[in-house]
Amino acid sequence: MPLVTLRQLLDEAAKGGYGVGAFNVNNMEQIQAIMEAARETKSPVIVQASRGARAYSNDNFLYHLMLAAAELYPEIPMVLHLDHGNSFETCKSAIELGFTSVMMDGSLMADGKTPSTFEYNVEVTRKVVELAHSKGVSVEGEIGTLGGIEDGHGAGGTGLEHVTDPDQAVEFVEKTGLDALAIAIGTSHGAYKFSRKPDGAVLKMDLLKEIHRRLPTTHLVMHGSSSVPKELQDIINEYGGKLKQTWGVPVEEIQLGIKNGVRKINVDTDNRLAITGAIRKVFAESPEKFDPRDYNKPAREAMHKVVAQRMVQFGQAGHAGDFQAKSLADYAEFYKVSK
């Protein structure tokens, strides 16, 4: 199956009442872990690359890894998504490279750190939508800003400084015509999301429900949604790490979100923790090892295990064969007709 658009995947997820994990990639082992998990669970998948990943791996290396995945796993519908594009130019370059979906995060200025104005966000997102839709490519936008920083992108803070305003969310969707909307409900990038198990004071699920009530047909996105399991933290610390205790987004809260319009769930930190714990374990138990394969194999398997578990928990498992892929040309025509 060729690469598919985010719009098609999320439309199917909405019909089936499930969510789809979006997993970040920087290298070969990570894409292998994701695709093996997708095959094992028979799941559609969103593979995403941040600006940091594109700088680390180089666009061509990254893109050809994605093409290799599409060739080797032809039964898996796969979206190639740009995570947190910071400008029109960044999104344009991803579209030209062959990404089937882009995120224009106009909630921050082009520096990826400074919260923007609502007017700027609308203008830049709408500009990306016009270009992307003419090519059949899907667009995710964001209203409100997340806490934390990841790959040099983020406003910092706790995640509660700029939560999404439901009125602005409605206006934003109407004015931009985007395909998916990331909302800020208290989550943050990175491992240190919450200093205690999150409740309604720090994770605003009631706000999510209200946004879904007002935008019942809009695909919602939860960023910063790694669950940061204690067992993954413990493995790192057992083998020489020094993570301070932290809490992520409980899976049951994500599942509540899925029941209320969330169709895309971003997961990165959990995979980083799994990889790092596995590598530390090899180094601690077999300090004579120096072949990268000796530690990359268990790291890949540890990530595979986490991704497969999330695919089952999000409900996407078993849905890989539900639909026939539509081309970018099909979606370019779809957007033209639906204007």
Protein backbone atom coordinates (compact mmCIF):
# COMPACT_ATOMS: atom_id res chain seq x y z
CA MET A 1 0.00 0.00 0.00
CA PRO A 2 1.43 3.41 -0.87
CA LEU A 3 1.81 6.25 1.58
CA VAL A 4 -1.62 7.61 2.50
CA THR A 5 -2.90 10.97 3.68
CA LEU A 6 -3.59 11.84 7.29
CA ARG A 7 -7.10 12.87 6.29
CA GLN A 8 -7.96 9.41 4.97
CA LEU A 9 -6.51 7.66 8.02
CA LEU A 10 -8.33 9.90 10.50
CA ASP A 11 -11.63 9.74 8.58
CA GLU A 12 -11.40 5.94 8.84
CA ALA A 13 -10.51 6.18 12.53
CA ALA A 14 -13.56 8.37 13.14
CA LYS A 15 -15.79 5.80 11.44
CA GLY A 16 -14.30 3.06 13.59
CA GLY A 17 -14.22 5.06 16.82
CA TYR A 18 -10.50 4.54 17.44
CA GLY A 19 -7.34 6.63 17.70
CA VAL A 20 -4.08 6.34 15.75
CA GLY A 21 -0.67 6.73 17.37
CA ALA A 22 1.79 9.10 15.70
CA PHE A 23 5.33 7.98 16.44
CA ASN A 24 8.44 10.09 15.90
CA VAL A 25 11.38 8.79 13.90
CA ASN A 26 15.05 9.79 13.79
CA ASN A 27 16.79 6.67 12.50
CA MET A 28 16.45 3.23 10.91
CA GLU A 29 15.92 1.27 14.13
CA GLN A 30 12.96 3.44 15.12
CA ILE A 31 11.16 3.06 11.80
CA GLN A 32 11.79 -0.69 11.93
CA ALA A 33 10.33 -0.88 15.45
CA ILE A 34 7.22 1.05 14.42
CA MET A 35 6.58 -0.97 11.28
CA GLU A 36 7.11 -4.33 12.99
CA ALA A 37 4.64 -3.27 15.68
CA ALA A 38 2.17 -2.22 12.98
CA ARG A 39 2.52 -5.58 11.23
CA GLU A 40 2.20 -7.51 14.50
CA THR A 41 -0.99 -5.65 15.47
CA LYS A 42 -2.30 -5.14 11.90
CA SER A 43 -2.45 -1.38 12.49
CA PRO A 44 -2.47 1.68 10.25
CA VAL A 45 0.27 4.04 11.37
CA ILE A 46 1.42 7.65 11.37
CA VAL A 47 5.19 8.05 11.18
CA GLN A 48 6.29 11.59 11.87
CA ALA A 49 9.50 13.58 11.68
CA SER A 50 10.16 16.80 13.53
CA ARG A 51 12.40 19.60 12.31
CA GLY A 52 15.00 18.25 14.74
CA ALA A 53 14.77 14.78 13.17
CA ARG A 54 15.09 16.22 9.67
CA ALA A 55 18.21 18.12 10.71
CA TYR A 56 19.67 15.08 12.51
CA SER A 57 19.05 12.50 9.79
CA ASN A 58 19.02 14.66 6.65
CA ASP A 59 15.81 14.80 4.64
CA ASN A 60 16.86 12.34 1.97
CA PHE A 61 17.97 9.66 4.41
CA LEU A 62 14.74 10.05 6.37
CA TYR A 63 12.47 10.07 3.34
CA HIS A 64 14.08 7.00 1.80
CA LEU A 65 13.73 5.14 5.09
CA MET A 66 10.00 5.87 4.83
CA LEU A 67 9.89 4.65 1.24
CA ALA A 68 11.71 1.48 2.27
CA ALA A 69 9.10 0.95 5.00
CA ALA A 70 6.27 1.38 2.48
CA GLU A 71 7.92 -1.19 0.19
CA LEU A 72 8.64 -3.73 2.92
CA TYR A 73 5.25 -3.42 4.65
CA PRO A 74 2.85 -3.02 1.71
CA GLU A 75 -0.15 -4.12 3.79
CA ILE A 76 0.25 -1.23 6.27
CA PRO A 77 -1.39 2.16 5.49
CA MET A 78 1.28 4.69 6.49
CA VAL A 79 1.16 8.47 6.75
CA LEU A 80 4.42 10.40 6.48
CA HIS A 81 3.82 13.46 8.63
CA LEU A 82 5.83 16.58 9.43
CA ASP A 83 5.62 17.24 13.16
CA HIS A 84 5.61 20.87 14.35
CA GLY A 85 6.44 22.72 11.18
CA ASN A 86 7.48 26.21 12.29
CA SER A 87 6.88 28.14 9.06
CA PHE A 88 5.29 28.06 5.64
CA GLU A 89 8.73 27.36 4.14
CA THR A 90 9.31 24.32 6.39
CA CYS A 91 5.93 22.86 5.43
CA LYS A 92 6.49 23.64 1.74
CA SER A 93 9.83 21.80 1.75
CA ALA A 94 8.21 18.73 3.37
CA ILE A 95 5.40 18.73 0.79
CA GLU A 96 7.93 18.99 -2.05
CA LEU A 97 9.94 16.10 -0.56
CA GLY A 98 6.90 13.81 -0.53
CA PHE A 99 5.36 14.03 2.93
CA THR A 100 1.64 13.19 2.78
CA SER A 101 0.76 15.36 5.76
CA VAL A 102 2.23 18.43 7.46
CA MET A 103 1.66 20.19 10.76
CA MET A 104 1.85 23.95 10.67
CA ASP A 105 2.29 24.95 14.29
CA GLY A 106 1.36 28.59 14.03
CA SER A 107 0.63 28.71 17.75
CA LEU A 108 4.30 29.71 18.01
CA MET A 109 6.28 32.14 15.92
CA ALA A 110 8.88 30.87 13.44
CA ASP A 111 11.48 30.61 16.23
CA GLY A 112 9.42 27.71 17.60
CA LYS A 113 9.40 29.24 21.09
CA THR A 114 7.42 32.48 21.23
CA PRO A 115 3.60 32.23 21.47
CA SER A 116 2.02 33.91 18.45
CA THR A 117 -1.19 35.87 17.99
CA PHE A 118 -4.41 34.22 16.90
CA GLU A 119 -4.38 36.31 13.72
CA TYR A 120 -0.86 35.17 12.78
CA ASN A 121 -1.78 31.54 13.43
CA VAL A 122 -4.84 31.76 11.18
CA GLU A 123 -2.95 33.49 8.40
CA VAL A 124 0.05 31.14 8.24
CA THR A 125 -2.03 27.98 8.71
CA ARG A 126 -4.49 28.98 6.00
CA LYS A 127 -1.58 29.67 3.63
CA VAL A 128 -0.18 26.17 4.28
CA VAL A 129 -3.65 24.64 3.83
CA GLU A 130 -4.05 26.30 0.43
CA LEU A 131 -0.72 24.94 -0.82
CA ALA A 132 -1.05 21.49 0.77
CA HIS A 133 -4.63 20.86 -0.35
CA SER A 134 -3.76 21.79 -3.93
CA LYS A 135 -1.32 18.84 -3.80
CA GLY A 136 -3.70 16.53 -1.91
CA VAL A 137 -1.63 16.76 1.28
CA SER A 138 -3.31 16.92 4.72
CA VAL A 139 -2.73 19.68 7.29
CA GLU A 140 -2.73 19.64 11.08
CA GLY A 141 -2.81 22.94 12.96
CA GLU A 142 -2.60 23.90 16.63
CA ILE A 143 -4.53 26.34 18.75
CA GLY A 144 -3.20 27.07 22.22
CA THR A 145 0.38 26.11 23.11
CA LEU A 146 1.81 23.04 24.82
CA GLY A 147 4.27 23.16 27.68
CA GLY A 148 7.80 21.82 27.59
CA ILE A 149 10.33 21.79 24.77
CA GLU A 150 11.18 18.97 22.39
CA ASP A 151 13.73 19.04 19.57
CA GLY A 152 14.14 22.74 20.25
CA HIS A 153 10.44 23.40 19.72
CA GLY A 154 8.03 24.52 22.44
CA ALA A 155 7.04 27.40 24.66
CA GLY A 156 8.36 25.83 27.88
CA GLY A 157 6.31 26.09 31.06
CA THR A 158 3.81 23.63 32.45
CA GLY A 159 1.29 23.46 29.64
CA LEU A 160 -1.39 25.41 31.50
CA GLU A 161 -0.24 28.91 30.46
CA HIS A 162 -1.95 28.84 27.04
CA VAL A 163 -4.70 26.23 26.96
CA THR A 164 -7.07 26.18 23.99
CA ASP A 165 -10.04 28.52 24.02
CA PRO A 166 -13.10 26.68 22.58
CA ASP A 167 -14.44 29.81 20.85
CA GLN A 168 -11.10 30.37 19.14
CA ALA A 169 -10.91 26.69 18.19
CA VAL A 170 -14.22 26.94 16.31
CA GLU A 171 -13.18 30.14 14.55
CA PHE A 172 -9.75 28.68 13.72
CA VAL A 173 -11.21 25.58 12.05
CA GLU A 174 -13.68 27.68 10.06
CA LYS A 175 -11.05 30.15 8.86
CA THR A 176 -8.28 27.69 7.98
CA GLY A 177 -10.06 24.62 6.57
CA LEU A 178 -7.48 22.29 8.13
CA ASP A 179 -7.86 18.50 8.50
CA ALA A 180 -6.84 17.96 12.14
CA LEU A 181 -6.64 20.24 15.17
CA ALA A 182 -4.08 19.88 17.95
CA ILE A 183 -5.36 21.34 21.20
CA ALA A 184 -3.60 22.37 24.40
CA ILE A 185 -5.23 20.85 27.50
CA GLY A 186 -2.28 20.82 29.91
CA THR A 187 0.05 18.30 28.29
CA SER A 188 3.74 19.03 27.67
CA HIS A 189 6.59 17.83 25.48
CA GLY A 190 9.29 15.67 27.04
CA ALA A 191 9.42 13.34 30.04
CA TYR A 192 8.60 15.88 32.75
CA LYS A 193 4.92 16.51 32.11
CA PHE A 194 3.41 16.36 35.59
CA SER A 195 4.88 16.34 39.10
CA ARG A 196 2.06 14.07 40.30
CA LYS A 197 -0.52 11.80 38.75
CA PRO A 198 -2.57 14.23 36.65
CA ASP A 199 -6.11 15.18 37.61
CA GLY A 200 -8.57 17.78 36.37
CA ALA A 201 -6.46 20.59 37.80
CA VAL A 202 -3.59 19.92 35.40
CA LEU A 203 -5.08 17.80 32.59
CA LYS A 204 -8.17 19.54 31.22
CA MET A 205 -10.24 16.67 29.82
CA ASP A 206 -13.44 18.69 30.38
CA LEU A 207 -12.02 21.30 28.00
CA LEU A 208 -11.39 18.59 25.41
CA LYS A 209 -14.98 17.39 25.75
CA GLU A 210 -16.28 20.92 25.26
CA ILE A 211 -14.18 21.46 22.13
CA HIS A 212 -15.43 18.14 20.73
CA ARG A 213 -19.02 19.17 21.52
CA ARG A 214 -18.56 22.33 19.48
CA LEU A 215 -16.53 20.68 16.70
CA PRO A 216 -18.02 17.18 16.50
CA THR A 217 -16.65 16.44 13.01
CA THR A 218 -13.14 17.85 13.50
CA HIS A 219 -10.35 15.35 14.10
CA LEU A 220 -8.64 16.33 17.37
CA VAL A 221 -4.99 15.68 18.18
CA MET A 222 -3.33 15.14 21.56
CA HIS A 223 0.32 16.16 21.63
CA GLY A 224 2.69 15.42 24.50
CA SER A 225 0.77 12.22 25.21
CA SER A 226 3.43 9.76 26.26
CA SER A 227 2.40 7.91 29.41
CA VAL A 228 5.97 7.84 30.82
CA PRO A 229 5.52 4.46 32.57
CA LYS A 230 7.32 4.06 35.88
CA GLU A 231 8.78 0.73 34.78
CA LEU A 232 10.61 2.42 31.89
CA GLN A 233 11.94 5.11 34.22
CA ASP A 234 13.06 2.42 36.67
CA ILE A 235 15.06 0.49 34.06
CA ILE A 236 17.01 3.62 33.16
CA ASN A 237 17.71 4.44 36.80
CA GLU A 238 18.60 0.85 37.67
CA TYR A 239 21.36 0.91 35.09
CA GLY A 240 22.98 4.22 35.95
CA GLY A 241 20.40 6.83 34.88
CA LYS A 242 19.25 9.71 37.06
CA LEU A 243 15.68 10.48 36.00
CA LYS A 244 13.65 12.21 38.66
CA GLN A 245 10.17 10.75 39.15
CA THR A 246 7.60 12.08 36.74
CA TRP A 247 4.11 11.33 35.46
CA GLY A 248 2.83 11.27 31.90
CA VAL A 249 -0.68 11.11 30.43
CA PRO A 250 -2.44 7.96 31.72
CA VAL A 251 -3.61 5.64 28.94
CA GLU A 252 -7.16 5.71 30.34
CA GLU A 253 -7.25 9.51 29.87
CA ILE A 254 -6.12 9.11 26.25
CA GLN A 255 -8.86 6.50 25.77
CA LEU A 256 -11.37 9.00 27.19
CA GLY A 257 -10.05 11.51 24.66
CA ILE A 258 -10.55 9.00 21.84
CA LYS A 259 -14.20 8.68 22.90
CA ASN A 260 -14.41 12.46 22.55
CA GLY A 261 -13.01 13.10 19.09
CA VAL A 262 -9.27 12.52 19.52
CA ARG A 263 -8.03 10.66 16.44
CA LYS A 264 -4.26 11.28 16.49
CA ILE A 265 -2.10 10.74 19.57
CA ASN A 266 1.55 11.81 19.55
CA VAL A 267 3.97 9.49 21.35
CA ASP A 268 7.73 10.02 21.44
CA THR A 269 9.08 10.12 25.00
CA ASP A 270 7.91 6.58 25.84
CA ASN A 271 9.91 5.25 22.91
CA ARG A 272 12.99 7.25 23.88
CA LEU A 273 12.78 5.88 27.42
CA ALA A 274 12.42 2.30 26.16
CA ILE A 275 15.41 2.65 23.82
CA THR A 276 17.65 4.27 26.42
CA GLY A 277 16.78 1.74 29.12
CA ALA A 278 17.60 -1.17 26.82
CA ILE A 279 20.94 0.34 25.78
CA ARG A 280 21.92 1.14 29.37
CA LYS A 281 21.12 -2.43 30.37
CA VAL A 282 23.46 -3.86 27.72
CA PHE A 283 26.26 -1.48 28.68
CA ALA A 284 25.87 -2.29 32.39
CA GLU A 285 25.55 -6.06 32.04
CA SER A 286 28.02 -6.55 29.16
CA PRO A 287 30.58 -3.73 29.37
CA GLU A 288 32.81 -5.59 26.92
CA LYS A 289 30.25 -5.10 24.10
CA PHE A 290 31.10 -2.54 21.44
CA ASP A 291 29.22 -3.67 18.31
CA PRO A 292 26.31 -1.24 17.80
CA ARG A 293 24.13 -4.19 16.80
CA ASP A 294 24.53 -5.64 20.28
CA TYR A 295 22.69 -2.70 21.83
CA ASN A 296 20.59 -1.43 18.91
CA LYS A 297 18.77 -4.76 18.56
CA PRO A 298 17.43 -4.80 22.14
CA ALA A 299 16.72 -1.06 21.88
CA ARG A 300 14.67 -1.67 18.73
CA GLU A 301 12.80 -4.52 20.39
CA ALA A 302 12.04 -2.42 23.49
CA MET A 303 10.52 0.32 21.32
CA HIS A 304 8.63 -2.25 19.25
CA LYS A 305 7.02 -3.54 22.45
CA VAL A 306 5.90 -0.07 23.56
CA VAL A 307 4.52 0.89 20.13
CA ALA A 308 2.57 -2.37 19.77
CA GLN A 309 1.09 -1.88 23.24
CA ARG A 310 -0.03 1.68 22.38
CA MET A 311 -1.55 0.53 19.08
CA VAL A 312 -3.73 -1.95 20.96
CA GLN A 313 -4.61 0.58 23.67
CA PHE A 314 -5.57 3.27 21.14
CA GLY A 315 -7.86 0.84 19.28
CA GLN A 316 -6.11 0.96 15.90
CA ALA A 317 -5.02 -2.68 16.04
CA GLY A 318 -6.76 -4.85 13.44
CA HIS A 319 -7.73 -1.93 11.16
CA ALA A 320 -4.86 -1.96 8.64
CA GLY A 321 -6.93 -3.72 5.99
CA ASP A 322 -10.16 -1.75 6.38
CA PHE A 323 -9.80 0.49 3.33
CA GLN A 324 -8.13 1.05 -0.03
CA ALA A 325 -5.56 3.84 -0.18
CA LYS A 326 -6.49 6.95 -2.12
CA SER A 327 -3.80 8.92 -3.92
CA LEU A 328 -2.73 12.50 -3.34
CA ALA A 329 -4.34 13.30 -6.71
CA ASP A 330 -7.64 11.88 -5.41
CA TYR A 331 -7.42 14.15 -2.38
CA ALA A 332 -6.42 17.19 -4.43
CA GLU A 333 -9.67 16.68 -6.33
CA PHE A 334 -11.58 16.07 -3.08
CA TYR A 335 -10.36 19.39 -1.62
CA LYS A 336 -11.15 21.25 -4.85
CA VAL A 337 -14.73 19.96 -4.86
CA SER A 338 -15.32 20.50 -1.13
CA LYS A 339 -14.20 24.15 -1.11
